[in-house]
Amino acid sequence: MMGLSVASSWKREHPRIPVESLCTELDDHRLRHALVVDLSETGLRIQRPLGGWMPRDLQLEFEIPEVDEIVWARGRIAFDEVWKVPPTTIGSMNGMVRTTGIELVASAERHRRMLRDYVMETWRQITEPADDWMLRAACYLRG
């Protein structure tokens, strides 16, 4: 997986985790492919090449990384911007990309639960201290 940096902000209620996963967007007119760059239990952020009209609501199909499951959901656009991506970024799109934040408004309860579990478990792994073996040592078990 790519180098993990935790994206969080005072505005966010739920943690976001960085991912690299494929996504397909479907609106009334066409099918587009994108790259999911971060996930939360309530939404995702995608990147794709510039161009095209963006509807307010769309259908999404995306993979939850490390889980053999395709999620079908309906999303609502929270923001749609053009970002400059540094050319030194390895494994990402270089140059100008269209970045869109999407709030998940409808999906199967099973998919929501799987997404929440994946995000929370990955968040826990990212944020827990790497050298906590001493805290879990048997000699400290009972103080």
N, C-alpha and C. Protein backbone atom coordinates (compact mmCIF):
# COMPACT_ATOMS: atom_id res chain seq x y z
N MET A 1 0.84 -1.17 0.00
CA MET A 1 0.00 0.00 0.00
C MET A 1 0.89 1.23 0.00
N MET A 2 0.35 2.35 -0.39
CA MET A 2 1.12 3.59 -0.46
C MET A 2 1.49 4.06 0.93
N GLY A 3 2.39 5.03 1.01
CA GLY A 3 2.78 5.61 2.29
C GLY A 3 1.56 6.22 2.96
N LEU A 4 1.29 5.83 4.17
CA LEU A 4 0.07 6.27 4.84
C LEU A 4 0.28 7.58 5.56
N SER A 5 -0.49 8.56 5.20
CA SER A 5 -0.56 9.79 5.97
C SER A 5 -2.02 9.97 6.35
N VAL A 6 -2.25 10.29 7.56
CA VAL A 6 -3.62 10.36 8.06
C VAL A 6 -4.18 11.74 7.77
N ALA A 7 -5.29 11.77 7.05
CA ALA A 7 -5.94 13.04 6.73
C ALA A 7 -7.08 13.25 7.72
N SER A 8 -7.01 14.34 8.42
CA SER A 8 -8.07 14.65 9.36
C SER A 8 -8.16 16.16 9.51
N SER A 9 -9.27 16.62 9.95
CA SER A 9 -9.48 18.04 10.10
C SER A 9 -10.49 18.26 11.22
N TRP A 10 -10.50 19.46 11.75
CA TRP A 10 -11.46 19.77 12.81
C TRP A 10 -12.88 19.73 12.29
N LYS A 11 -13.08 19.84 10.98
CA LYS A 11 -14.42 19.81 10.40
C LYS A 11 -14.99 18.39 10.30
N ARG A 12 -14.15 17.41 10.35
CA ARG A 12 -14.55 16.03 10.10
C ARG A 12 -15.10 15.36 11.35
N GLU A 13 -16.21 14.65 11.19
CA GLU A 13 -16.76 13.86 12.29
C GLU A 13 -16.20 12.45 12.29
N HIS A 14 -15.82 11.95 11.12
CA HIS A 14 -15.36 10.58 10.97
C HIS A 14 -13.94 10.57 10.39
N PRO A 15 -13.12 9.61 10.80
CA PRO A 15 -11.77 9.56 10.26
C PRO A 15 -11.78 9.20 8.77
N ARG A 16 -10.76 9.70 8.06
CA ARG A 16 -10.55 9.34 6.67
C ARG A 16 -9.24 8.58 6.58
N ILE A 17 -9.18 7.63 5.67
CA ILE A 17 -7.95 6.89 5.46
C ILE A 17 -7.55 6.98 4.00
N PRO A 18 -6.26 7.05 3.72
CA PRO A 18 -5.80 7.08 2.33
C PRO A 18 -5.87 5.68 1.72
N VAL A 19 -6.31 5.60 0.49
CA VAL A 19 -6.40 4.33 -0.23
C VAL A 19 -6.04 4.58 -1.69
N GLU A 20 -5.87 3.53 -2.44
CA GLU A 20 -5.76 3.58 -3.89
C GLU A 20 -6.64 2.45 -4.40
N SER A 21 -7.81 2.80 -4.89
CA SER A 21 -8.79 1.82 -5.31
C SER A 21 -9.52 2.35 -6.54
N LEU A 22 -10.00 1.46 -7.37
CA LEU A 22 -10.72 1.85 -8.57
C LEU A 22 -12.17 2.17 -8.27
N CYS A 23 -12.73 3.07 -9.07
CA CYS A 23 -14.11 3.50 -8.91
C CYS A 23 -14.71 3.74 -10.29
N THR A 24 -15.99 3.45 -10.41
CA THR A 24 -16.73 3.75 -11.63
C THR A 24 -17.89 4.64 -11.25
N GLU A 25 -18.03 5.75 -11.97
CA GLU A 25 -19.15 6.69 -11.75
C GLU A 25 -20.13 6.52 -12.90
N LEU A 26 -21.38 6.57 -12.59
CA LEU A 26 -22.41 6.47 -13.62
C LEU A 26 -23.45 7.55 -13.36
N ASP A 27 -23.66 8.40 -14.36
CA ASP A 27 -24.75 9.36 -14.27
C ASP A 27 -25.71 9.05 -15.41
N ASP A 28 -26.63 9.94 -15.68
CA ASP A 28 -27.62 9.68 -16.72
C ASP A 28 -27.02 9.59 -18.11
N HIS A 29 -25.83 10.14 -18.29
CA HIS A 29 -25.29 10.27 -19.63
C HIS A 29 -24.13 9.34 -19.96
N ARG A 30 -23.27 9.05 -18.99
CA ARG A 30 -22.09 8.25 -19.32
C ARG A 30 -21.47 7.57 -18.10
N LEU A 31 -20.50 6.73 -18.41
CA LEU A 31 -19.74 5.97 -17.44
C LEU A 31 -18.33 6.54 -17.41
N ARG A 32 -17.78 6.81 -16.23
CA ARG A 32 -16.42 7.32 -16.09
C ARG A 32 -15.68 6.50 -15.05
N HIS A 33 -14.36 6.40 -15.22
CA HIS A 33 -13.52 5.68 -14.27
C HIS A 33 -12.69 6.68 -13.48
N ALA A 34 -12.41 6.36 -12.23
CA ALA A 34 -11.66 7.26 -11.35
C ALA A 34 -10.85 6.43 -10.36
N LEU A 35 -10.06 7.12 -9.59
CA LEU A 35 -9.25 6.51 -8.54
C LEU A 35 -9.72 7.06 -7.19
N VAL A 36 -10.10 6.17 -6.29
CA VAL A 36 -10.47 6.58 -4.93
C VAL A 36 -9.17 6.83 -4.18
N VAL A 37 -9.03 8.03 -3.60
CA VAL A 37 -7.79 8.37 -2.89
C VAL A 37 -7.97 8.44 -1.38
N ASP A 38 -9.19 8.60 -0.90
CA ASP A 38 -9.43 8.42 0.53
C ASP A 38 -10.87 8.03 0.79
N LEU A 39 -11.06 7.35 1.91
CA LEU A 39 -12.36 6.81 2.30
C LEU A 39 -12.68 7.21 3.73
N SER A 40 -13.96 7.39 3.99
CA SER A 40 -14.46 7.47 5.35
C SER A 40 -15.73 6.62 5.37
N GLU A 41 -16.33 6.47 6.51
CA GLU A 41 -17.54 5.65 6.56
C GLU A 41 -18.73 6.35 5.92
N THR A 42 -18.63 7.65 5.68
CA THR A 42 -19.74 8.40 5.10
C THR A 42 -19.46 8.96 3.71
N GLY A 43 -18.26 8.74 3.18
CA GLY A 43 -17.97 9.29 1.87
C GLY A 43 -16.60 8.90 1.37
N LEU A 44 -16.24 9.46 0.22
CA LEU A 44 -14.96 9.18 -0.39
C LEU A 44 -14.53 10.37 -1.24
N ARG A 45 -13.24 10.38 -1.59
CA ARG A 45 -12.71 11.40 -2.48
C ARG A 45 -12.07 10.69 -3.65
N ILE A 46 -12.40 11.13 -4.86
CA ILE A 46 -11.88 10.50 -6.06
C ILE A 46 -11.09 11.51 -6.87
N GLN A 47 -10.19 10.99 -7.71
CA GLN A 47 -9.43 11.81 -8.65
C GLN A 47 -9.54 11.18 -10.02
N ARG A 48 -9.59 12.05 -11.04
CA ARG A 48 -9.66 11.59 -12.42
C ARG A 48 -9.18 12.71 -13.32
N PRO A 49 -8.96 12.42 -14.60
CA PRO A 49 -8.51 13.48 -15.53
C PRO A 49 -9.54 14.59 -15.64
N LEU A 50 -9.08 15.75 -16.06
CA LEU A 50 -9.95 16.91 -16.23
C LEU A 50 -10.97 16.68 -17.33
N GLY A 51 -12.02 17.47 -17.29
CA GLY A 51 -13.00 17.47 -18.37
C GLY A 51 -14.34 16.89 -17.98
N GLY A 52 -15.33 17.30 -18.74
CA GLY A 52 -16.66 16.75 -18.56
C GLY A 52 -17.52 17.48 -17.55
N TRP A 53 -18.79 17.30 -17.69
CA TRP A 53 -19.79 17.87 -16.81
C TRP A 53 -19.98 16.95 -15.63
N MET A 54 -20.19 17.50 -14.43
CA MET A 54 -20.37 16.70 -13.22
C MET A 54 -21.77 16.93 -12.66
N PRO A 55 -22.59 15.87 -12.61
CA PRO A 55 -23.93 16.02 -12.03
C PRO A 55 -23.85 16.13 -10.51
N ARG A 56 -24.90 16.56 -9.88
CA ARG A 56 -24.93 16.67 -8.41
C ARG A 56 -25.03 15.30 -7.74
N ASP A 57 -25.82 14.39 -8.32
CA ASP A 57 -25.98 13.03 -7.79
C ASP A 57 -25.50 12.03 -8.82
N LEU A 58 -24.91 10.93 -8.35
CA LEU A 58 -24.45 9.90 -9.27
C LEU A 58 -24.41 8.55 -8.59
N GLN A 59 -24.34 7.51 -9.41
CA GLN A 59 -24.20 6.15 -8.92
C GLN A 59 -22.72 5.80 -8.90
N LEU A 60 -22.28 5.06 -7.90
CA LEU A 60 -20.88 4.69 -7.76
C LEU A 60 -20.74 3.19 -7.60
N GLU A 61 -19.65 2.69 -8.13
CA GLU A 61 -19.25 1.31 -7.90
C GLU A 61 -17.76 1.39 -7.54
N PHE A 62 -17.40 0.95 -6.33
CA PHE A 62 -15.99 1.00 -5.93
C PHE A 62 -15.64 -0.20 -5.07
N GLU A 63 -14.34 -0.46 -5.00
CA GLU A 63 -13.83 -1.58 -4.23
C GLU A 63 -13.40 -1.11 -2.85
N ILE A 64 -13.69 -1.92 -1.85
CA ILE A 64 -13.11 -1.68 -0.53
C ILE A 64 -11.78 -2.43 -0.54
N PRO A 65 -10.66 -1.74 -0.37
CA PRO A 65 -9.36 -2.42 -0.42
C PRO A 65 -9.27 -3.55 0.58
N GLU A 66 -8.56 -4.59 0.20
CA GLU A 66 -8.32 -5.77 1.04
C GLU A 66 -9.59 -6.54 1.37
N VAL A 67 -10.71 -6.17 0.79
CA VAL A 67 -11.98 -6.87 0.99
C VAL A 67 -12.48 -7.26 -0.40
N ASP A 68 -12.84 -8.47 -0.59
CA ASP A 68 -13.30 -8.93 -1.89
C ASP A 68 -14.77 -8.59 -2.06
N GLU A 69 -15.05 -7.29 -2.18
CA GLU A 69 -16.43 -6.84 -2.27
C GLU A 69 -16.50 -5.56 -3.08
N ILE A 70 -17.47 -5.49 -3.98
CA ILE A 70 -17.75 -4.28 -4.75
C ILE A 70 -18.94 -3.59 -4.10
N VAL A 71 -18.80 -2.31 -3.83
CA VAL A 71 -19.86 -1.53 -3.20
C VAL A 71 -20.60 -0.74 -4.28
N TRP A 72 -21.90 -0.85 -4.28
CA TRP A 72 -22.76 -0.02 -5.12
C TRP A 72 -23.40 0.99 -4.21
N ALA A 73 -23.33 2.26 -4.60
CA ALA A 73 -23.88 3.31 -3.74
C ALA A 73 -24.34 4.49 -4.60
N ARG A 74 -25.17 5.31 -4.00
CA ARG A 74 -25.55 6.58 -4.61
C ARG A 74 -24.85 7.66 -3.83
N GLY A 75 -24.24 8.61 -4.55
CA GLY A 75 -23.49 9.66 -3.88
C GLY A 75 -23.94 11.05 -4.31
N ARG A 76 -23.66 12.00 -3.45
CA ARG A 76 -23.96 13.41 -3.73
C ARG A 76 -22.64 14.16 -3.67
N ILE A 77 -22.38 15.00 -4.65
CA ILE A 77 -21.14 15.76 -4.74
C ILE A 77 -21.08 16.80 -3.61
N ALA A 78 -20.01 16.74 -2.81
CA ALA A 78 -19.78 17.73 -1.76
C ALA A 78 -18.90 18.86 -2.29
N PHE A 79 -17.88 18.52 -3.09
CA PHE A 79 -17.05 19.52 -3.75
C PHE A 79 -16.46 18.90 -5.01
N ASP A 80 -16.10 19.75 -5.95
CA ASP A 80 -15.52 19.33 -7.22
C ASP A 80 -14.51 20.40 -7.62
N GLU A 81 -13.22 20.08 -7.54
CA GLU A 81 -12.17 21.06 -7.75
C GLU A 81 -11.07 20.50 -8.64
N VAL A 82 -10.26 21.40 -9.19
CA VAL A 82 -9.07 21.01 -9.95
C VAL A 82 -7.88 21.23 -9.03
N TRP A 83 -7.07 20.20 -8.85
CA TRP A 83 -5.90 20.27 -7.98
C TRP A 83 -4.65 20.01 -8.81
N LYS A 84 -3.57 20.64 -8.41
CA LYS A 84 -2.28 20.36 -9.02
C LYS A 84 -1.60 19.31 -8.17
N VAL A 85 -1.21 18.21 -8.80
CA VAL A 85 -0.56 17.11 -8.11
C VAL A 85 0.94 17.22 -8.39
N PRO A 86 1.77 17.23 -7.36
CA PRO A 86 3.22 17.36 -7.58
C PRO A 86 3.75 16.23 -8.45
N PRO A 87 4.67 16.53 -9.37
CA PRO A 87 5.21 15.49 -10.25
C PRO A 87 6.07 14.47 -9.52
N THR A 88 6.43 14.74 -8.26
CA THR A 88 7.25 13.79 -7.51
C THR A 88 6.43 12.69 -6.86
N THR A 89 5.13 12.80 -6.90
CA THR A 89 4.27 11.79 -6.29
C THR A 89 4.38 10.49 -7.10
N ILE A 90 4.80 9.45 -6.45
CA ILE A 90 4.98 8.16 -7.12
C ILE A 90 3.70 7.35 -7.00
N GLY A 91 3.26 6.75 -8.09
CA GLY A 91 2.08 5.90 -8.08
C GLY A 91 0.77 6.66 -8.18
N SER A 92 0.82 7.95 -8.41
CA SER A 92 -0.39 8.75 -8.54
C SER A 92 -0.42 9.41 -9.90
N MET A 93 -1.55 10.03 -10.20
CA MET A 93 -1.65 10.80 -11.43
C MET A 93 -0.82 12.06 -11.26
N ASN A 94 -0.07 12.44 -12.28
CA ASN A 94 0.75 13.65 -12.22
C ASN A 94 0.10 14.78 -13.00
N GLY A 95 0.36 16.02 -12.59
CA GLY A 95 -0.18 17.18 -13.27
C GLY A 95 -1.45 17.68 -12.61
N MET A 96 -2.42 18.07 -13.44
CA MET A 96 -3.70 18.59 -12.96
C MET A 96 -4.73 17.46 -12.95
N VAL A 97 -5.45 17.33 -11.85
CA VAL A 97 -6.50 16.32 -11.75
C VAL A 97 -7.77 16.95 -11.20
N ARG A 98 -8.85 16.34 -11.53
CA ARG A 98 -10.14 16.76 -10.98
C ARG A 98 -10.37 15.94 -9.72
N THR A 99 -10.56 16.61 -8.61
CA THR A 99 -10.76 15.96 -7.32
C THR A 99 -12.18 16.25 -6.85
N THR A 100 -12.89 15.18 -6.50
CA THR A 100 -14.28 15.31 -6.11
C THR A 100 -14.52 14.60 -4.80
N GLY A 101 -15.13 15.31 -3.86
CA GLY A 101 -15.56 14.72 -2.59
C GLY A 101 -17.01 14.29 -2.74
N ILE A 102 -17.30 13.07 -2.37
CA ILE A 102 -18.64 12.52 -2.55
C ILE A 102 -19.16 11.99 -1.23
N GLU A 103 -20.34 12.45 -0.86
CA GLU A 103 -21.03 11.95 0.33
C GLU A 103 -21.89 10.77 -0.09
N LEU A 104 -21.77 9.65 0.62
CA LEU A 104 -22.60 8.48 0.32
C LEU A 104 -23.98 8.69 0.93
N VAL A 105 -25.01 8.71 0.08
CA VAL A 105 -26.36 8.95 0.58
C VAL A 105 -27.21 7.69 0.61
N ALA A 106 -26.82 6.67 -0.15
CA ALA A 106 -27.59 5.42 -0.14
C ALA A 106 -26.68 4.27 -0.54
N SER A 107 -26.77 3.20 0.21
CA SER A 107 -26.07 1.95 -0.11
C SER A 107 -26.68 0.85 0.75
N ALA A 108 -26.34 -0.37 0.44
CA ALA A 108 -26.83 -1.49 1.24
C ALA A 108 -26.24 -1.42 2.65
N GLU A 109 -27.02 -1.79 3.63
CA GLU A 109 -26.56 -1.76 5.01
C GLU A 109 -25.31 -2.63 5.20
N ARG A 110 -25.26 -3.74 4.50
CA ARG A 110 -24.10 -4.63 4.57
C ARG A 110 -22.84 -3.91 4.09
N HIS A 111 -22.95 -3.16 3.00
CA HIS A 111 -21.81 -2.42 2.47
C HIS A 111 -21.39 -1.29 3.40
N ARG A 112 -22.36 -0.61 3.99
CA ARG A 112 -22.03 0.46 4.96
C ARG A 112 -21.29 -0.11 6.16
N ARG A 113 -21.73 -1.25 6.63
CA ARG A 113 -21.09 -1.89 7.78
C ARG A 113 -19.66 -2.33 7.42
N MET A 114 -19.49 -2.92 6.24
CA MET A 114 -18.16 -3.34 5.81
C MET A 114 -17.22 -2.14 5.64
N LEU A 115 -17.73 -1.06 5.07
CA LEU A 115 -16.93 0.14 4.88
C LEU A 115 -16.54 0.74 6.24
N ARG A 116 -17.50 0.83 7.16
CA ARG A 116 -17.21 1.35 8.50
C ARG A 116 -16.16 0.50 9.21
N ASP A 117 -16.31 -0.82 9.16
CA ASP A 117 -15.35 -1.71 9.81
C ASP A 117 -13.96 -1.57 9.21
N TYR A 118 -13.87 -1.51 7.88
CA TYR A 118 -12.57 -1.37 7.22
C TYR A 118 -11.92 -0.04 7.60
N VAL A 119 -12.67 1.04 7.53
CA VAL A 119 -12.11 2.36 7.84
C VAL A 119 -11.65 2.43 9.30
N MET A 120 -12.46 1.97 10.22
CA MET A 120 -12.11 2.05 11.64
C MET A 120 -10.91 1.16 11.97
N GLU A 121 -10.84 -0.03 11.41
CA GLU A 121 -9.71 -0.92 11.68
C GLU A 121 -8.42 -0.35 11.08
N THR A 122 -8.49 0.17 9.87
CA THR A 122 -7.31 0.77 9.25
C THR A 122 -6.89 2.02 10.00
N TRP A 123 -7.85 2.84 10.43
CA TRP A 123 -7.56 4.04 11.22
C TRP A 123 -6.85 3.67 12.51
N ARG A 124 -7.33 2.62 13.17
CA ARG A 124 -6.70 2.16 14.41
C ARG A 124 -5.26 1.74 14.16
N GLN A 125 -5.02 1.00 13.08
CA GLN A 125 -3.67 0.55 12.76
C GLN A 125 -2.73 1.71 12.44
N ILE A 126 -3.26 2.73 11.77
CA ILE A 126 -2.44 3.89 11.40
C ILE A 126 -2.08 4.72 12.62
N THR A 127 -3.04 4.90 13.52
CA THR A 127 -2.83 5.83 14.63
C THR A 127 -2.27 5.19 15.90
N GLU A 128 -2.27 3.87 16.01
CA GLU A 128 -1.73 3.28 17.24
C GLU A 128 -0.21 3.37 17.23
N PRO A 129 0.41 3.51 18.39
CA PRO A 129 1.87 3.62 18.44
C PRO A 129 2.54 2.36 17.92
N ALA A 130 3.63 2.55 17.21
CA ALA A 130 4.35 1.40 16.66
C ALA A 130 5.10 0.62 17.73
N ASP A 131 5.54 1.31 18.78
CA ASP A 131 6.32 0.66 19.83
C ASP A 131 5.50 0.45 21.09
N ASP A 132 4.33 -0.16 20.95
CA ASP A 132 3.48 -0.37 22.12
C ASP A 132 3.65 -1.76 22.72
N TRP A 133 4.65 -2.51 22.28
CA TRP A 133 4.84 -3.86 22.79
C TRP A 133 5.09 -3.85 24.29
N MET A 134 5.74 -2.80 24.80
CA MET A 134 6.01 -2.77 26.23
C MET A 134 4.72 -2.54 27.02
N LEU A 135 3.79 -1.77 26.45
CA LEU A 135 2.53 -1.54 27.14
C LEU A 135 1.70 -2.81 27.25
N ARG A 136 1.91 -3.73 26.31
CA ARG A 136 1.16 -4.99 26.32
C ARG A 136 1.90 -6.13 27.00
N ALA A 137 3.05 -5.85 27.56
CA ALA A 137 3.88 -6.88 28.21
C ALA A 137 3.16 -7.43 29.45
N ALA A 138 3.36 -8.70 29.73
CA ALA A 138 2.70 -9.37 30.85
C ALA A 138 3.07 -8.75 32.20
N CYS A 139 4.28 -8.23 32.32
CA CYS A 139 4.69 -7.67 33.60
C CYS A 139 3.90 -6.40 33.96
N TYR A 140 3.29 -5.76 32.98
CA TYR A 140 2.49 -4.56 33.24
C TYR A 140 1.00 -4.85 33.27
N LEU A 141 0.63 -6.11 33.13
CA LEU A 141 -0.77 -6.49 33.03
C LEU A 141 -1.58 -6.06 34.24
N ARG A 142 -1.06 -6.26 35.43
CA ARG A 142 -1.82 -5.97 36.65
C ARG A 142 -1.23 -4.80 37.44
N GLY A 143 -0.36 -4.03 36.80
CA GLY A 143 0.19 -2.85 37.46
C GLY A 143 1.27 -3.20 38.36
